[in-house]
Amino acid sequence: MTDLSSHLSTTADAYDAVAVLYDELFRNALDNVPLDRAMLAAFAEVARATAAAGPVAELGCGPGHVTAHLRDLGLDVFGVDLSPVMIDIAREAYPDLRFEVGSMDALDLADGELNGIVSWYSAIHTPPQNLPSFFAEFRRVLAPEGHLLLAFFESEGDPVTEFDHKVTTAYRWPIDELAGLAGKAGFVEAGRMLRETREGERFGHGRLLMRKGE
C-alpha cells in the first residue's frame, strides 16, 4: 500500500507551487466545453431533485471555478482542497463561497451530511490501490441516494496507466474499471460520458455519474 500521508503531502506541495499559474490557465476552462457543462448541469439537476437537504461538496476544488459554476447552477455548494494556496485563491476569487483545506480521504463531515460530491479531476492523482478508501469516504459522507460525479482521464482501452501529469504523477482509468471499483464501494452507475481529445489535450476524458446504493 502506498504511504498515503506522504503522497498527499507531495500532491499538496506540488499544487501549492503552481497554484497561481493553474488558476490563470483554468479559470475559464468550462467556457468552450459544452459537454463538460452538460454533465455538470445533469449532476446539478439530480442533486436538486434528491430528497436529502444537505449541501454539495467539490472535493479537490483547486481555485474554485467549478465550485462557482455549481453555485450558478443553483446548488448549495462548498469546496475542499489539499492545497492551502489554492484555497486562498478560491476564497479571494469567490468570497461568497465556503472553501476549506482538507483531504478527500478524511473529511471533517458527519455521516450522510452531503447531498452530492463532485470530484473534477481530483482523484486522478490517487494511486489505484488507495482509491477504494477514497470511495469509502465519499460513500460515508453522502446521504442516501446522494450522487457522485467523477471526471478523469480515460485510458482508451489500456489498463490503468500512470502518466506524467504536469503537476504531479497521475493515472488514467478505463471507464469500465473505474465504474466497477466505485460499484464495489457501494455506488450505482447512473450515467457516463466519454469526451474526445480536444486541441492541446493529450488524452480522452471520462465522466461517471454515480448514486449511493443501499
C-alpha atoms as a PDB file:
ATOM      1  CA  MET A   1       0.000   0.000   0.000  1.00  0.00           C
ATOM      2  CA  THR A   2       1.343   3.430  -0.946  1.00  0.00           C
ATOM      3  CA  ASP A   3       2.221   5.667   2.011  1.00  0.00           C
ATOM      4  CA  LEU A   4      -0.891   7.801   1.665  1.00  0.00           C
ATOM      5  CA  SER A   5       0.157  10.591   4.018  1.00  0.00           C
ATOM      6  CA  SER A   6       3.406  11.097   2.083  1.00  0.00           C
ATOM      7  CA  HIS A   7       1.530  11.016  -1.211  1.00  0.00           C
ATOM      8  CA  LEU A   8      -0.987  13.626  -0.026  1.00  0.00           C
ATOM      9  CA  SER A   9       1.780  15.909   1.232  1.00  0.00           C
ATOM     10  CA  THR A  10       3.620  15.662  -2.090  1.00  0.00           C
ATOM     11  CA  THR A  11       0.427  16.429  -4.009  1.00  0.00           C
ATOM     12  CA  ALA A  12      -0.394  19.447  -1.831  1.00  0.00           C
ATOM     13  CA  ASP A  13       3.122  20.864  -2.205  1.00  0.00           C
ATOM     14  CA  ALA A  14       3.047  20.372  -5.979  1.00  0.00           C
ATOM     15  CA  TYR A  15      -0.241  22.267  -6.344  1.00  0.00           C
ATOM     16  CA  ASP A  16       0.863  25.000  -3.949  1.00  0.00           C
ATOM     17  CA  ALA A  17       3.830  25.623  -6.229  1.00  0.00           C
ATOM     18  CA  VAL A  18       1.740  26.096  -9.398  1.00  0.00           C
ATOM     19  CA  ALA A  19      -1.491  27.464  -7.930  1.00  0.00           C
ATOM     20  CA  VAL A  20      -1.313  30.954  -9.434  1.00  0.00           C
ATOM     21  CA  LEU A  21      -0.469  29.665 -12.923  1.00  0.00           C
ATOM     22  CA  TYR A  22      -3.079  26.924 -12.647  1.00  0.00           C
ATOM     23  CA  ASP A  23      -5.746  29.490 -11.817  1.00  0.00           C
ATOM     24  CA  GLU A  24      -4.762  31.613 -14.805  1.00  0.00           C
ATOM     25  CA  LEU A  25      -4.889  28.637 -17.169  1.00  0.00           C
ATOM     26  CA  PHE A  26      -8.123  27.022 -15.994  1.00  0.00           C
ATOM     27  CA  ARG A  27     -10.356  29.763 -14.588  1.00  0.00           C
ATOM     28  CA  ASN A  28     -12.386  29.841 -17.816  1.00  0.00           C
ATOM     29  CA  ALA A  29     -11.849  26.190 -18.732  1.00  0.00           C
ATOM     30  CA  LEU A  30     -15.584  25.404 -18.933  1.00  0.00           C
ATOM     31  CA  ASP A  31     -16.413  28.198 -21.352  1.00  0.00           C
ATOM     32  CA  ASN A  32     -15.687  26.281 -24.560  1.00  0.00           C
ATOM     33  CA  VAL A  33     -16.507  22.722 -23.478  1.00  0.00           C
ATOM     34  CA  PRO A  34     -20.295  22.291 -23.743  1.00  0.00           C
ATOM     35  CA  LEU A  35     -20.202  18.563 -22.939  1.00  0.00           C
ATOM     36  CA  ASP A  36     -18.487  19.247 -19.619  1.00  0.00           C
ATOM     37  CA  ARG A  37     -21.063  21.909 -18.773  1.00  0.00           C
ATOM     38  CA  ALA A  38     -23.825  19.481 -19.755  1.00  0.00           C
ATOM     39  CA  MET A  39     -22.524  16.805 -17.376  1.00  0.00           C
ATOM     40  CA  LEU A  40     -22.272  19.304 -14.531  1.00  0.00           C
ATOM     41  CA  ALA A  41     -25.792  20.510 -15.321  1.00  0.00           C
ATOM     42  CA  ALA A  42     -27.086  16.928 -15.215  1.00  0.00           C
ATOM     43  CA  PHE A  43     -25.422  16.417 -11.844  1.00  0.00           C
ATOM     44  CA  ALA A  44     -26.948  19.661 -10.547  1.00  0.00           C
ATOM     45  CA  GLU A  45     -30.409  18.625 -11.718  1.00  0.00           C
ATOM     46  CA  VAL A  46     -30.323  15.234  -9.990  1.00  0.00           C
ATOM     47  CA  ALA A  47     -28.827  16.798  -6.869  1.00  0.00           C
ATOM     48  CA  ARG A  48     -31.624  19.357  -6.695  1.00  0.00           C
ATOM     49  CA  ALA A  49     -34.188  16.584  -7.141  1.00  0.00           C
ATOM     50  CA  THR A  50     -32.794  14.394  -4.345  1.00  0.00           C
ATOM     51  CA  ALA A  51     -34.723  14.384  -1.099  1.00  0.00           C
ATOM     52  CA  ALA A  52     -31.594  14.981   1.004  1.00  0.00           C
ATOM     53  CA  ALA A  53     -31.333  18.549   2.231  1.00  0.00           C
ATOM     54  CA  GLY A  54     -27.555  18.704   2.643  1.00  0.00           C
ATOM     55  CA  PRO A  55     -25.056  20.706   0.598  1.00  0.00           C
ATOM     56  CA  VAL A  56     -22.851  19.566  -2.274  1.00  0.00           C
ATOM     57  CA  ALA A  57     -19.059  19.480  -1.938  1.00  0.00           C
ATOM     58  CA  GLU A  58     -16.496  19.833  -4.678  1.00  0.00           C
ATOM     59  CA  LEU A  59     -13.584  17.755  -3.417  1.00  0.00           C
ATOM     60  CA  GLY A  60     -10.279  18.850  -4.860  1.00  0.00           C
ATOM     61  CA  CYS A  61     -11.741  22.204  -5.837  1.00  0.00           C
ATOM     62  CA  GLY A  62      -8.482  23.939  -6.751  1.00  0.00           C
ATOM     63  CA  PRO A  63      -9.050  27.661  -7.367  1.00  0.00           C
ATOM     64  CA  GLY A  64     -12.810  27.241  -7.177  1.00  0.00           C
ATOM     65  CA  HIS A  65     -14.090  27.822 -10.698  1.00  0.00           C
ATOM     66  CA  VAL A  66     -16.107  24.591 -10.837  1.00  0.00           C
ATOM     67  CA  THR A  67     -17.483  25.240  -7.340  1.00  0.00           C
ATOM     68  CA  ALA A  68     -18.650  28.654  -8.511  1.00  0.00           C
ATOM     69  CA  HIS A  69     -20.201  27.111 -11.632  1.00  0.00           C
ATOM     70  CA  LEU A  70     -22.149  24.662  -9.463  1.00  0.00           C
ATOM     71  CA  ARG A  71     -23.349  27.586  -7.347  1.00  0.00           C
ATOM     72  CA  ASP A  72     -24.549  29.276 -10.521  1.00  0.00           C
ATOM     73  CA  LEU A  73     -26.487  26.082 -11.317  1.00  0.00           C
ATOM     74  CA  GLY A  74     -28.477  26.560  -8.135  1.00  0.00           C
ATOM     75  CA  LEU A  75     -26.620  24.312  -5.695  1.00  0.00           C
ATOM     76  CA  ASP A  76     -25.689  24.940  -2.075  1.00  0.00           C
ATOM     77  CA  VAL A  77     -22.013  24.084  -2.576  1.00  0.00           C
ATOM     78  CA  PHE A  78     -18.624  24.434  -0.932  1.00  0.00           C
ATOM     79  CA  GLY A  79     -15.081  23.421  -1.902  1.00  0.00           C
ATOM     80  CA  VAL A  80     -12.340  21.389  -0.235  1.00  0.00           C
ATOM     81  CA  ASP A  81      -8.730  21.115  -1.399  1.00  0.00           C
ATOM     82  CA  LEU A  82      -5.387  19.820  -0.104  1.00  0.00           C
ATOM     83  CA  SER A  83      -3.539  22.935  -1.248  1.00  0.00           C
ATOM     84  CA  PRO A  84      -3.698  25.933   1.113  1.00  0.00           C
ATOM     85  CA  VAL A  85      -2.568  28.235  -1.697  1.00  0.00           C
ATOM     86  CA  MET A  86      -5.394  27.019  -3.942  1.00  0.00           C
ATOM     87  CA  ILE A  87      -7.872  27.650  -1.140  1.00  0.00           C
ATOM     88  CA  ASP A  88      -6.533  31.182  -0.630  1.00  0.00           C
ATOM     89  CA  ILE A  89      -7.022  31.898  -4.350  1.00  0.00           C
ATOM     90  CA  ALA A  90     -10.544  30.445  -4.301  1.00  0.00           C
ATOM     91  CA  ARG A  91     -11.546  32.484  -1.251  1.00  0.00           C
ATOM     92  CA  GLU A  92     -10.268  35.693  -2.853  1.00  0.00           C
ATOM     93  CA  ALA A  93     -11.976  34.990  -6.187  1.00  0.00           C
ATOM     94  CA  TYR A  94     -15.307  33.849  -4.702  1.00  0.00           C
ATOM     95  CA  PRO A  95     -15.699  35.445  -1.266  1.00  0.00           C
ATOM     96  CA  ASP A  96     -19.370  34.453  -1.116  1.00  0.00           C
ATOM     97  CA  LEU A  97     -18.485  30.750  -1.159  1.00  0.00           C
ATOM     98  CA  ARG A  98     -17.055  28.478   1.524  1.00  0.00           C
ATOM     99  CA  PHE A  99     -13.668  26.865   0.899  1.00  0.00           C
ATOM    100  CA  GLU A 100     -11.714  24.642   3.293  1.00  0.00           C
ATOM    101  CA  VAL A 101      -8.314  22.953   3.366  1.00  0.00           C
ATOM    102  CA  GLY A 102      -8.831  19.215   3.716  1.00  0.00           C
ATOM    103  CA  SER A 103      -8.226  15.767   2.298  1.00  0.00           C
ATOM    104  CA  MET A 104     -10.723  13.648   0.390  1.00  0.00           C
ATOM    105  CA  ASP A 105      -9.777  10.554   2.380  1.00  0.00           C
ATOM    106  CA  ALA A 106     -10.639  12.034   5.791  1.00  0.00           C
ATOM    107  CA  LEU A 107     -13.365  14.647   5.513  1.00  0.00           C
ATOM    108  CA  ASP A 108     -14.417  16.703   8.511  1.00  0.00           C
ATOM    109  CA  LEU A 109     -18.059  15.872   7.817  1.00  0.00           C
ATOM    110  CA  ALA A 110     -20.714  13.818   9.543  1.00  0.00           C
ATOM    111  CA  ASP A 111     -22.050  10.593   8.091  1.00  0.00           C
ATOM    112  CA  GLY A 112     -24.653  11.348   5.420  1.00  0.00           C
ATOM    113  CA  GLU A 113     -24.077  15.109   5.562  1.00  0.00           C
ATOM    114  CA  LEU A 114     -23.760  15.716   1.822  1.00  0.00           C
ATOM    115  CA  ASN A 115     -26.366  15.647  -0.907  1.00  0.00           C
ATOM    116  CA  GLY A 116     -23.696  15.325  -3.600  1.00  0.00           C
ATOM    117  CA  ILE A 117     -19.978  15.210  -4.364  1.00  0.00           C
ATOM    118  CA  VAL A 118     -18.088  16.410  -7.422  1.00  0.00           C
ATOM    119  CA  SER A 119     -14.546  15.108  -7.933  1.00  0.00           C
ATOM    120  CA  TRP A 120     -13.434  17.003 -11.033  1.00  0.00           C
ATOM    121  CA  TYR A 121     -10.038  15.514 -11.940  1.00  0.00           C
ATOM    122  CA  SER A 122      -9.099  15.423  -8.252  1.00  0.00           C
ATOM    123  CA  ALA A 123      -8.964  11.646  -7.785  1.00  0.00           C
ATOM    124  CA  ILE A 124      -6.600  11.258 -10.752  1.00  0.00           C
ATOM    125  CA  HIS A 125      -3.539  11.604  -8.528  1.00  0.00           C
ATOM    126  CA  THR A 126      -4.621   8.856  -6.133  1.00  0.00           C
ATOM    127  CA  PRO A 127      -2.590   5.636  -6.503  1.00  0.00           C
ATOM    128  CA  PRO A 128      -5.006   2.943  -7.723  1.00  0.00           C
ATOM    129  CA  GLN A 129      -4.583   0.787  -4.612  1.00  0.00           C
ATOM    130  CA  ASN A 130      -5.635   3.716  -2.423  1.00  0.00           C
ATOM    131  CA  LEU A 131      -8.705   4.742  -4.397  1.00  0.00           C
ATOM    132  CA  PRO A 132     -11.123   2.317  -2.665  1.00  0.00           C
ATOM    133  CA  SER A 133     -10.544   4.118   0.649  1.00  0.00           C
ATOM    134  CA  PHE A 134     -11.465   7.418  -1.010  1.00  0.00           C
ATOM    135  CA  PHE A 135     -14.664   5.925  -2.413  1.00  0.00           C
ATOM    136  CA  ALA A 136     -15.496   4.557   1.035  1.00  0.00           C
ATOM    137  CA  GLU A 137     -15.141   8.056   2.490  1.00  0.00           C
ATOM    138  CA  PHE A 138     -17.303   9.528  -0.284  1.00  0.00           C
ATOM    139  CA  ARG A 139     -19.994   6.975   0.489  1.00  0.00           C
ATOM    140  CA  ARG A 140     -19.776   7.674   4.227  1.00  0.00           C
ATOM    141  CA  VAL A 141     -20.478  11.387   3.910  1.00  0.00           C
ATOM    142  CA  LEU A 142     -23.198  11.074   1.234  1.00  0.00           C
ATOM    143  CA  ALA A 143     -26.851  10.942   2.219  1.00  0.00           C
ATOM    144  CA  PRO A 144     -28.981   8.057   0.924  1.00  0.00           C
ATOM    145  CA  GLU A 145     -29.454   8.438  -2.846  1.00  0.00           C
ATOM    146  CA  GLY A 146     -26.787  11.167  -2.912  1.00  0.00           C
ATOM    147  CA  HIS A 147     -24.818  11.486  -6.165  1.00  0.00           C
ATOM    148  CA  LEU A 148     -21.127  11.444  -7.044  1.00  0.00           C
ATOM    149  CA  LEU A 149     -19.727  12.927 -10.263  1.00  0.00           C
ATOM    150  CA  LEU A 150     -16.214  11.831 -11.267  1.00  0.00           C
ATOM    151  CA  ALA A 151     -14.163  13.491 -14.010  1.00  0.00           C
ATOM    152  CA  PHE A 152     -10.947  11.769 -15.057  1.00  0.00           C
ATOM    153  CA  PHE A 153      -8.611  10.933 -17.927  1.00  0.00           C
ATOM    154  CA  GLU A 154      -9.708   7.788 -19.766  1.00  0.00           C
ATOM    155  CA  SER A 155      -7.107   5.169 -20.706  1.00  0.00           C
ATOM    156  CA  GLU A 156      -8.691   4.449 -24.105  1.00  0.00           C
ATOM    157  CA  GLY A 157      -8.575   0.663 -23.927  1.00  0.00           C
ATOM    158  CA  ASP A 158      -5.354   0.377 -21.954  1.00  0.00           C
ATOM    159  CA  PRO A 159      -5.239  -0.741 -18.300  1.00  0.00           C
ATOM    160  CA  VAL A 160      -4.838   1.808 -15.512  1.00  0.00           C
ATOM    161  CA  THR A 161      -1.888   3.860 -16.711  1.00  0.00           C
ATOM    162  CA  GLU A 162       0.427   6.195 -14.805  1.00  0.00           C
ATOM    163  CA  PHE A 163       1.391   9.322 -16.711  1.00  0.00           C
ATOM    164  CA  ASP A 164       3.492  12.436 -16.300  1.00  0.00           C
ATOM    165  CA  HIS A 165       0.831  14.967 -15.347  1.00  0.00           C
ATOM    166  CA  LYS A 166       2.294  18.484 -15.483  1.00  0.00           C
ATOM    167  CA  VAL A 167       1.784  18.997 -11.741  1.00  0.00           C
ATOM    168  CA  THR A 168       2.414  15.576 -10.203  1.00  0.00           C
ATOM    169  CA  THR A 169       2.024  11.889 -11.060  1.00  0.00           C
ATOM    170  CA  ALA A 170      -1.482  10.923 -12.161  1.00  0.00           C
ATOM    171  CA  TYR A 171      -3.389   7.930 -13.516  1.00  0.00           C
ATOM    172  CA  ARG A 172      -5.658   7.266 -16.485  1.00  0.00           C
ATOM    173  CA  TRP A 173      -8.501   4.802 -15.958  1.00  0.00           C
ATOM    174  CA  PRO A 174     -10.592   2.582 -18.245  1.00  0.00           C
ATOM    175  CA  ILE A 175     -14.112   3.827 -17.642  1.00  0.00           C
ATOM    176  CA  ASP A 176     -15.476   0.318 -17.052  1.00  0.00           C
ATOM    177  CA  GLU A 177     -12.809  -0.454 -14.463  1.00  0.00           C
ATOM    178  CA  LEU A 178     -13.346   2.787 -12.576  1.00  0.00           C
ATOM    179  CA  ALA A 179     -17.109   2.248 -12.608  1.00  0.00           C
ATOM    180  CA  GLY A 180     -16.585  -1.261 -11.287  1.00  0.00           C
ATOM    181  CA  LEU A 181     -14.355  -0.050  -8.472  1.00  0.00           C
ATOM    182  CA  ALA A 182     -16.957   2.524  -7.445  1.00  0.00           C
ATOM    183  CA  GLY A 183     -19.593  -0.200  -7.651  1.00  0.00           C
ATOM    184  CA  LYS A 184     -17.652  -2.348  -5.193  1.00  0.00           C
ATOM    185  CA  ALA A 185     -17.672   0.635  -2.821  1.00  0.00           C
ATOM    186  CA  GLY A 186     -21.470   0.789  -2.915  1.00  0.00           C
ATOM    187  CA  PHE A 187     -22.199   3.140  -5.812  1.00  0.00           C
ATOM    188  CA  VAL A 188     -24.663   2.532  -8.643  1.00  0.00           C
ATOM    189  CA  GLU A 189     -23.900   3.953 -12.063  1.00  0.00           C
ATOM    190  CA  ALA A 190     -26.484   6.481 -13.251  1.00  0.00           C
ATOM    191  CA  GLY A 191     -24.718   7.661 -16.405  1.00  0.00           C
ATOM    192  CA  ARG A 192     -21.425   8.065 -18.192  1.00  0.00           C
ATOM    193  CA  MET A 193     -19.761  10.105 -20.918  1.00  0.00           C
ATOM    194  CA  LEU A 194     -16.559   9.859 -22.928  1.00  0.00           C
ATOM    195  CA  ARG A 195     -15.325  13.097 -24.458  1.00  0.00           C
ATOM    196  CA  GLU A 196     -12.871  13.260 -27.339  1.00  0.00           C
ATOM    197  CA  THR A 197      -9.440  14.819 -27.028  1.00  0.00           C
ATOM    198  CA  ARG A 198      -9.543  18.481 -27.997  1.00  0.00           C
ATOM    199  CA  GLU A 199      -6.723  20.608 -29.404  1.00  0.00           C
ATOM    200  CA  GLY A 200      -3.942  20.899 -26.837  1.00  0.00           C
ATOM    201  CA  GLU A 201      -5.119  17.859 -24.847  1.00  0.00           C
ATOM    202  CA  ARG A 202      -3.195  14.577 -24.695  1.00  0.00           C
ATOM    203  CA  PHE A 203      -5.906  12.170 -23.591  1.00  0.00           C
ATOM    204  CA  GLY A 204      -9.611  11.486 -23.799  1.00  0.00           C
ATOM    205  CA  HIS A 205     -11.862  12.336 -20.885  1.00  0.00           C
ATOM    206  CA  GLY A 206     -14.303  10.257 -18.884  1.00  0.00           C
ATOM    207  CA  ARG A 207     -17.277  11.247 -16.747  1.00  0.00           C
ATOM    208  CA  LEU A 208     -19.160   8.950 -14.362  1.00  0.00           C
ATOM    209  CA  LEU A 209     -22.341   9.912 -12.550  1.00  0.00           C
ATOM    210  CA  MET A 210     -22.881   7.537  -9.627  1.00  0.00           C
ATOM    211  CA  ARG A 211     -25.611   7.210  -6.996  1.00  0.00           C
ATOM    212  CA  LYS A 212     -25.089   5.947  -3.469  1.00  0.00           C
ATOM    213  CA  GLY A 213     -26.641   2.497  -3.288  1.00  0.00           C
ATOM    214  CA  GLU A 214     -28.429   0.764  -0.428  1.00  0.00           C
END
